[in-house]
């Protein structure tokens, strides 16, 4: 699986959010920048599902939310479904750099306690 191609297919130019990634033998870090909306939340869900389905066991998946200014409930739902899929495959799924406005949405919906936070993306 080519993560770059997957991202380009799911997030065409002009999307509300930009996605970048880095990967090594131990982890994949997905970095989101911008505001998630309904369409980009659905695209994120599809992208993460494809990445998780193709990951080798023992690799960690980290979603970096440092540059996310807004997340709707659909975005929290996309991340929650990714967490569930990762758990089924024994893949460690983490969030990092959660901004206060974004964190408040997770907390308001009661989902923050479901997620493991990486202290950094290393």
N, C-alpha and C. Protein backbone atom coordinates (compact mmCIF):
# COMPACT_ATOMS: atom_id res chain seq x y z
N UNK A 1 0.83 -1.18 0.00
CA UNK A 1 0.00 0.00 0.00
C UNK A 1 0.88 1.24 0.00
N UNK A 2 0.54 2.17 -0.83
CA UNK A 2 1.24 3.45 -0.90
C UNK A 2 0.38 4.49 -0.18
N UNK A 3 0.85 4.91 0.98
CA UNK A 3 0.08 5.85 1.80
C UNK A 3 -0.13 7.17 1.06
N UNK A 4 0.91 7.65 0.37
CA UNK A 4 0.78 8.92 -0.36
C UNK A 4 -0.34 8.83 -1.40
N UNK A 5 -0.39 7.75 -2.14
CA UNK A 5 -1.43 7.58 -3.16
C UNK A 5 -2.82 7.50 -2.51
N UNK A 6 -2.91 6.80 -1.41
CA UNK A 6 -4.16 6.67 -0.68
C UNK A 6 -4.65 8.05 -0.22
N UNK A 7 -3.76 8.85 0.33
CA UNK A 7 -4.11 10.20 0.78
C UNK A 7 -4.55 11.06 -0.41
N UNK A 8 -3.79 11.01 -1.49
CA UNK A 8 -4.13 11.82 -2.66
C UNK A 8 -5.48 11.43 -3.25
N UNK A 9 -5.80 10.12 -3.22
CA UNK A 9 -7.09 9.67 -3.75
C UNK A 9 -8.26 10.09 -2.86
N UNK A 10 -8.07 10.08 -1.55
CA UNK A 10 -9.16 10.41 -0.63
C UNK A 10 -9.29 11.89 -0.33
N UNK A 11 -8.21 12.64 -0.50
CA UNK A 11 -8.21 14.07 -0.19
C UNK A 11 -7.72 14.85 -1.41
N UNK A 12 -8.62 15.10 -2.36
CA UNK A 12 -8.20 15.86 -3.55
C UNK A 12 -7.82 17.28 -3.17
N UNK A 13 -7.10 17.91 -4.07
CA UNK A 13 -6.69 19.29 -3.83
C UNK A 13 -7.93 20.14 -3.56
N UNK A 14 -7.83 21.03 -2.60
CA UNK A 14 -8.96 21.86 -2.22
C UNK A 14 -9.75 21.31 -1.05
N UNK A 15 -9.31 20.18 -0.48
CA UNK A 15 -9.98 19.63 0.70
C UNK A 15 -9.83 20.58 1.87
N UNK A 16 -10.74 20.49 2.81
CA UNK A 16 -10.72 21.36 3.99
C UNK A 16 -9.53 21.07 4.89
N UNK A 17 -8.92 19.91 4.70
CA UNK A 17 -7.81 19.51 5.57
C UNK A 17 -6.69 18.93 4.72
N UNK A 18 -5.48 19.20 5.14
CA UNK A 18 -4.31 18.62 4.48
C UNK A 18 -3.79 17.48 5.35
N UNK A 19 -3.27 16.46 4.70
CA UNK A 19 -2.72 15.32 5.43
C UNK A 19 -1.32 15.06 4.93
N UNK A 20 -0.43 14.85 5.88
CA UNK A 20 0.93 14.43 5.57
C UNK A 20 1.22 13.23 6.47
N UNK A 21 2.29 12.55 6.19
CA UNK A 21 2.62 11.38 7.01
C UNK A 21 4.12 11.16 7.01
N UNK A 22 4.55 10.42 7.99
CA UNK A 22 5.91 9.88 8.01
C UNK A 22 5.79 8.45 8.49
N UNK A 23 6.72 7.64 8.08
CA UNK A 23 6.68 6.23 8.46
C UNK A 23 8.09 5.70 8.61
N UNK A 24 8.23 4.80 9.56
CA UNK A 24 9.46 4.04 9.69
C UNK A 24 9.07 2.62 10.09
N UNK A 25 10.03 1.82 10.49
CA UNK A 25 9.72 0.42 10.79
C UNK A 25 8.87 0.24 12.04
N UNK A 26 8.76 1.26 12.88
CA UNK A 26 8.02 1.14 14.15
C UNK A 26 6.69 1.87 14.19
N UNK A 27 6.51 2.89 13.35
CA UNK A 27 5.30 3.68 13.45
C UNK A 27 4.98 4.42 12.16
N UNK A 28 3.72 4.76 12.06
CA UNK A 28 3.23 5.64 11.01
C UNK A 28 2.59 6.83 11.72
N UNK A 29 2.99 8.03 11.35
CA UNK A 29 2.40 9.24 11.93
C UNK A 29 1.62 9.95 10.83
N UNK A 30 0.34 10.17 11.09
CA UNK A 30 -0.53 10.91 10.17
C UNK A 30 -0.71 12.29 10.77
N UNK A 31 -0.31 13.33 10.03
CA UNK A 31 -0.42 14.71 10.50
C UNK A 31 -1.54 15.42 9.74
N UNK A 32 -2.49 15.92 10.51
CA UNK A 32 -3.62 16.64 9.94
C UNK A 32 -3.44 18.14 10.13
N UNK A 33 -3.81 18.92 9.12
CA UNK A 33 -3.70 20.37 9.21
C UNK A 33 -4.97 20.98 8.64
N UNK A 34 -5.63 21.84 9.43
CA UNK A 34 -6.82 22.52 8.96
C UNK A 34 -8.02 22.18 9.81
N UNK A 35 -9.19 22.28 9.19
CA UNK A 35 -10.45 21.98 9.87
C UNK A 35 -11.11 20.78 9.21
N UNK A 36 -11.48 19.82 10.02
CA UNK A 36 -12.25 18.70 9.48
C UNK A 36 -13.68 19.16 9.26
N UNK A 37 -14.29 18.69 8.19
CA UNK A 37 -15.71 18.91 7.96
C UNK A 37 -16.33 17.54 7.69
N UNK A 38 -17.58 17.52 7.31
CA UNK A 38 -18.27 16.24 7.10
C UNK A 38 -17.58 15.40 6.03
N UNK A 39 -17.26 16.02 4.90
CA UNK A 39 -16.64 15.30 3.78
C UNK A 39 -15.24 14.81 4.14
N UNK A 40 -14.43 15.68 4.75
CA UNK A 40 -13.07 15.27 5.08
C UNK A 40 -13.05 14.26 6.23
N UNK A 41 -14.06 14.29 7.10
CA UNK A 41 -14.15 13.28 8.17
C UNK A 41 -14.40 11.90 7.57
N UNK A 42 -15.26 11.85 6.56
CA UNK A 42 -15.52 10.58 5.87
C UNK A 42 -14.27 10.09 5.14
N UNK A 43 -13.57 11.01 4.49
CA UNK A 43 -12.33 10.65 3.80
C UNK A 43 -11.27 10.17 4.78
N UNK A 44 -11.20 10.82 5.94
CA UNK A 44 -10.26 10.40 6.97
C UNK A 44 -10.59 8.99 7.45
N UNK A 45 -11.86 8.72 7.66
CA UNK A 45 -12.29 7.39 8.09
C UNK A 45 -11.84 6.33 7.08
N UNK A 46 -12.08 6.58 5.80
CA UNK A 46 -11.69 5.63 4.75
C UNK A 46 -10.17 5.46 4.68
N UNK A 47 -9.47 6.56 4.80
CA UNK A 47 -8.01 6.52 4.73
C UNK A 47 -7.42 5.72 5.89
N UNK A 48 -7.86 6.02 7.11
CA UNK A 48 -7.34 5.30 8.27
C UNK A 48 -7.70 3.83 8.22
N UNK A 49 -8.92 3.50 7.76
CA UNK A 49 -9.33 2.10 7.66
C UNK A 49 -8.41 1.35 6.70
N UNK A 50 -8.08 1.96 5.57
CA UNK A 50 -7.18 1.32 4.60
C UNK A 50 -5.77 1.15 5.14
N UNK A 51 -5.29 2.17 5.83
CA UNK A 51 -3.94 2.09 6.41
C UNK A 51 -3.90 0.98 7.46
N UNK A 52 -4.88 0.96 8.35
CA UNK A 52 -4.91 -0.05 9.42
C UNK A 52 -5.01 -1.45 8.85
N UNK A 53 -5.83 -1.63 7.82
CA UNK A 53 -6.01 -2.95 7.23
C UNK A 53 -4.72 -3.49 6.61
N UNK A 54 -3.84 -2.59 6.20
CA UNK A 54 -2.62 -3.03 5.52
C UNK A 54 -1.38 -3.01 6.42
N UNK A 55 -1.54 -2.56 7.66
CA UNK A 55 -0.38 -2.44 8.54
C UNK A 55 0.09 -3.80 9.05
N UNK A 56 1.40 -3.89 9.24
CA UNK A 56 1.98 -5.06 9.90
C UNK A 56 1.78 -4.93 11.39
N UNK A 57 1.66 -6.06 12.06
CA UNK A 57 1.53 -6.04 13.52
C UNK A 57 2.80 -5.47 14.13
N UNK A 58 2.64 -4.81 15.27
CA UNK A 58 3.78 -4.24 15.97
C UNK A 58 4.11 -2.82 15.57
N UNK A 59 3.44 -2.31 14.55
CA UNK A 59 3.65 -0.92 14.14
C UNK A 59 2.58 -0.07 14.82
N UNK A 60 2.99 1.07 15.29
CA UNK A 60 2.10 2.01 15.97
C UNK A 60 1.56 3.02 14.96
N UNK A 61 0.29 3.38 15.10
CA UNK A 61 -0.32 4.41 14.27
C UNK A 61 -0.64 5.61 15.16
N UNK A 62 -0.05 6.76 14.83
CA UNK A 62 -0.23 7.98 15.61
C UNK A 62 -0.89 9.02 14.72
N UNK A 63 -1.95 9.64 15.21
CA UNK A 63 -2.60 10.74 14.49
C UNK A 63 -2.27 12.03 15.24
N UNK A 64 -1.56 12.91 14.56
CA UNK A 64 -1.11 14.18 15.13
C UNK A 64 -2.16 15.26 14.83
N UNK A 65 -2.74 15.81 15.89
CA UNK A 65 -3.80 16.81 15.76
C UNK A 65 -3.33 18.23 16.09
N UNK A 66 -2.02 18.42 16.09
CA UNK A 66 -1.46 19.72 16.48
C UNK A 66 -2.01 20.88 15.66
N UNK A 67 -2.20 20.67 14.38
CA UNK A 67 -2.61 21.76 13.49
C UNK A 67 -4.07 21.65 13.06
N UNK A 68 -4.88 20.95 13.87
CA UNK A 68 -6.31 20.85 13.58
C UNK A 68 -7.03 21.91 14.41
N UNK A 69 -7.70 22.81 13.74
CA UNK A 69 -8.37 23.91 14.43
C UNK A 69 -9.81 23.59 14.79
N UNK A 70 -10.40 22.61 14.11
CA UNK A 70 -11.80 22.26 14.38
C UNK A 70 -12.02 20.80 14.02
N UNK A 71 -12.81 20.11 14.84
CA UNK A 71 -13.20 18.74 14.54
C UNK A 71 -14.68 18.58 14.89
N UNK A 72 -15.50 18.11 13.94
CA UNK A 72 -16.91 17.87 14.24
C UNK A 72 -17.08 16.49 14.87
N UNK A 73 -18.28 16.21 15.31
CA UNK A 73 -18.54 14.88 15.87
C UNK A 73 -18.24 13.79 14.86
N UNK A 74 -18.44 14.06 13.57
CA UNK A 74 -18.12 13.06 12.54
C UNK A 74 -16.62 12.77 12.50
N UNK A 75 -15.79 13.76 12.79
CA UNK A 75 -14.35 13.55 12.84
C UNK A 75 -13.96 12.70 14.04
N UNK A 76 -14.59 12.97 15.18
CA UNK A 76 -14.35 12.14 16.37
C UNK A 76 -14.81 10.72 16.08
N UNK A 77 -15.94 10.59 15.39
CA UNK A 77 -16.44 9.27 15.00
C UNK A 77 -15.47 8.53 14.10
N UNK A 78 -14.87 9.24 13.15
CA UNK A 78 -13.90 8.61 12.24
C UNK A 78 -12.70 8.09 13.03
N UNK A 79 -12.22 8.87 13.98
CA UNK A 79 -11.08 8.44 14.79
C UNK A 79 -11.47 7.30 15.72
N UNK A 80 -12.70 7.31 16.22
CA UNK A 80 -13.16 6.24 17.09
C UNK A 80 -13.28 4.93 16.31
N UNK A 81 -13.79 4.99 15.10
CA UNK A 81 -13.85 3.78 14.27
C UNK A 81 -12.45 3.27 13.94
N UNK A 82 -11.52 4.18 13.70
CA UNK A 82 -10.14 3.77 13.44
C UNK A 82 -9.55 3.09 14.67
N UNK A 83 -9.82 3.64 15.84
CA UNK A 83 -9.36 3.03 17.08
C UNK A 83 -9.89 1.61 17.22
N UNK A 84 -11.17 1.44 16.96
CA UNK A 84 -11.80 0.12 17.06
C UNK A 84 -11.17 -0.86 16.07
N UNK A 85 -10.96 -0.42 14.84
CA UNK A 85 -10.33 -1.28 13.83
C UNK A 85 -8.91 -1.65 14.23
N UNK A 86 -8.18 -0.68 14.77
CA UNK A 86 -6.80 -0.94 15.20
C UNK A 86 -6.77 -1.96 16.33
N UNK A 87 -7.68 -1.81 17.29
CA UNK A 87 -7.72 -2.75 18.42
C UNK A 87 -8.00 -4.18 17.94
N UNK A 88 -8.87 -4.32 16.97
CA UNK A 88 -9.19 -5.65 16.43
C UNK A 88 -7.97 -6.32 15.81
N UNK A 89 -7.05 -5.51 15.34
CA UNK A 89 -5.82 -6.04 14.71
C UNK A 89 -4.62 -5.97 15.64
N UNK A 90 -4.84 -5.62 16.91
CA UNK A 90 -3.75 -5.48 17.88
C UNK A 90 -2.71 -4.46 17.44
N UNK A 91 -3.19 -3.37 16.87
CA UNK A 91 -2.33 -2.26 16.47
C UNK A 91 -2.54 -1.13 17.47
N UNK A 92 -1.45 -0.58 17.96
CA UNK A 92 -1.52 0.51 18.92
C UNK A 92 -1.86 1.80 18.18
N UNK A 93 -2.98 2.43 18.57
CA UNK A 93 -3.48 3.65 17.94
C UNK A 93 -3.43 4.77 18.96
N UNK A 94 -2.77 5.87 18.61
CA UNK A 94 -2.61 6.98 19.53
C UNK A 94 -2.92 8.30 18.86
N UNK A 95 -3.31 9.26 19.69
CA UNK A 95 -3.45 10.65 19.25
C UNK A 95 -2.33 11.45 19.92
N UNK A 96 -1.90 12.53 19.30
CA UNK A 96 -0.92 13.39 19.95
C UNK A 96 -1.20 14.85 19.60
N UNK A 97 -0.65 15.72 20.44
CA UNK A 97 -0.74 17.17 20.26
C UNK A 97 -2.18 17.66 20.06
N UNK A 98 -3.08 17.21 20.90
CA UNK A 98 -4.49 17.57 20.77
C UNK A 98 -4.69 19.00 21.28
N UNK A 99 -5.14 19.87 20.41
CA UNK A 99 -5.37 21.27 20.76
C UNK A 99 -6.58 21.39 21.69
N UNK A 100 -6.60 22.41 22.57
CA UNK A 100 -7.69 22.56 23.55
C UNK A 100 -9.09 22.56 22.93
N UNK A 101 -9.29 23.27 21.81
CA UNK A 101 -10.62 23.31 21.19
C UNK A 101 -11.04 21.93 20.69
N UNK A 102 -10.08 21.20 20.17
CA UNK A 102 -10.35 19.85 19.66
C UNK A 102 -10.60 18.91 20.84
N UNK A 103 -9.77 19.01 21.85
CA UNK A 103 -9.93 18.17 23.04
C UNK A 103 -11.32 18.37 23.66
N UNK A 104 -11.80 19.61 23.67
CA UNK A 104 -13.10 19.89 24.29
C UNK A 104 -14.23 19.16 23.55
N UNK A 105 -14.11 18.98 22.24
CA UNK A 105 -15.13 18.23 21.49
C UNK A 105 -15.10 16.76 21.90
N UNK A 106 -13.89 16.17 22.00
CA UNK A 106 -13.77 14.78 22.45
C UNK A 106 -14.38 14.63 23.85
N UNK A 107 -14.08 15.57 24.72
CA UNK A 107 -14.58 15.49 26.11
C UNK A 107 -16.10 15.69 26.16
N UNK A 108 -16.61 16.63 25.40
CA UNK A 108 -18.05 16.88 25.36
C UNK A 108 -18.81 15.63 24.90
N UNK A 109 -18.24 14.93 23.94
CA UNK A 109 -18.87 13.71 23.42
C UNK A 109 -18.59 12.49 24.30
N UNK A 110 -17.69 12.64 25.27
CA UNK A 110 -17.38 11.54 26.17
C UNK A 110 -16.42 10.50 25.60
N UNK A 111 -15.63 10.87 24.60
CA UNK A 111 -14.75 9.91 23.94
C UNK A 111 -13.27 10.04 24.31
N UNK A 112 -12.89 11.09 25.01
CA UNK A 112 -11.47 11.31 25.27
C UNK A 112 -10.84 10.14 26.02
N UNK A 113 -11.57 9.56 26.94
CA UNK A 113 -11.00 8.48 27.75
C UNK A 113 -10.75 7.20 26.96
N UNK A 114 -11.32 7.09 25.76
CA UNK A 114 -11.10 5.90 24.94
C UNK A 114 -9.72 5.89 24.29
N UNK A 115 -9.14 7.07 24.12
CA UNK A 115 -7.91 7.21 23.34
C UNK A 115 -6.67 7.26 24.21
N UNK A 116 -5.62 6.66 23.69
CA UNK A 116 -4.30 6.77 24.30
C UNK A 116 -3.61 7.96 23.66
N UNK A 117 -2.99 8.78 24.48
CA UNK A 117 -2.26 9.93 23.96
C UNK A 117 -0.78 9.64 23.96
N UNK A 118 -0.15 9.89 22.84
CA UNK A 118 1.31 9.79 22.76
C UNK A 118 1.86 11.08 23.35
N UNK A 119 2.89 10.96 24.16
CA UNK A 119 3.48 12.15 24.77
C UNK A 119 4.17 13.01 23.73
N UNK A 120 4.64 12.39 22.69
CA UNK A 120 5.18 13.07 21.52
C UNK A 120 5.04 12.12 20.35
N UNK A 121 5.37 12.55 19.18
CA UNK A 121 5.20 11.66 18.03
C UNK A 121 6.46 10.88 17.68
N UNK A 122 7.36 10.76 18.62
CA UNK A 122 8.58 9.98 18.40
C UNK A 122 8.38 8.53 18.69
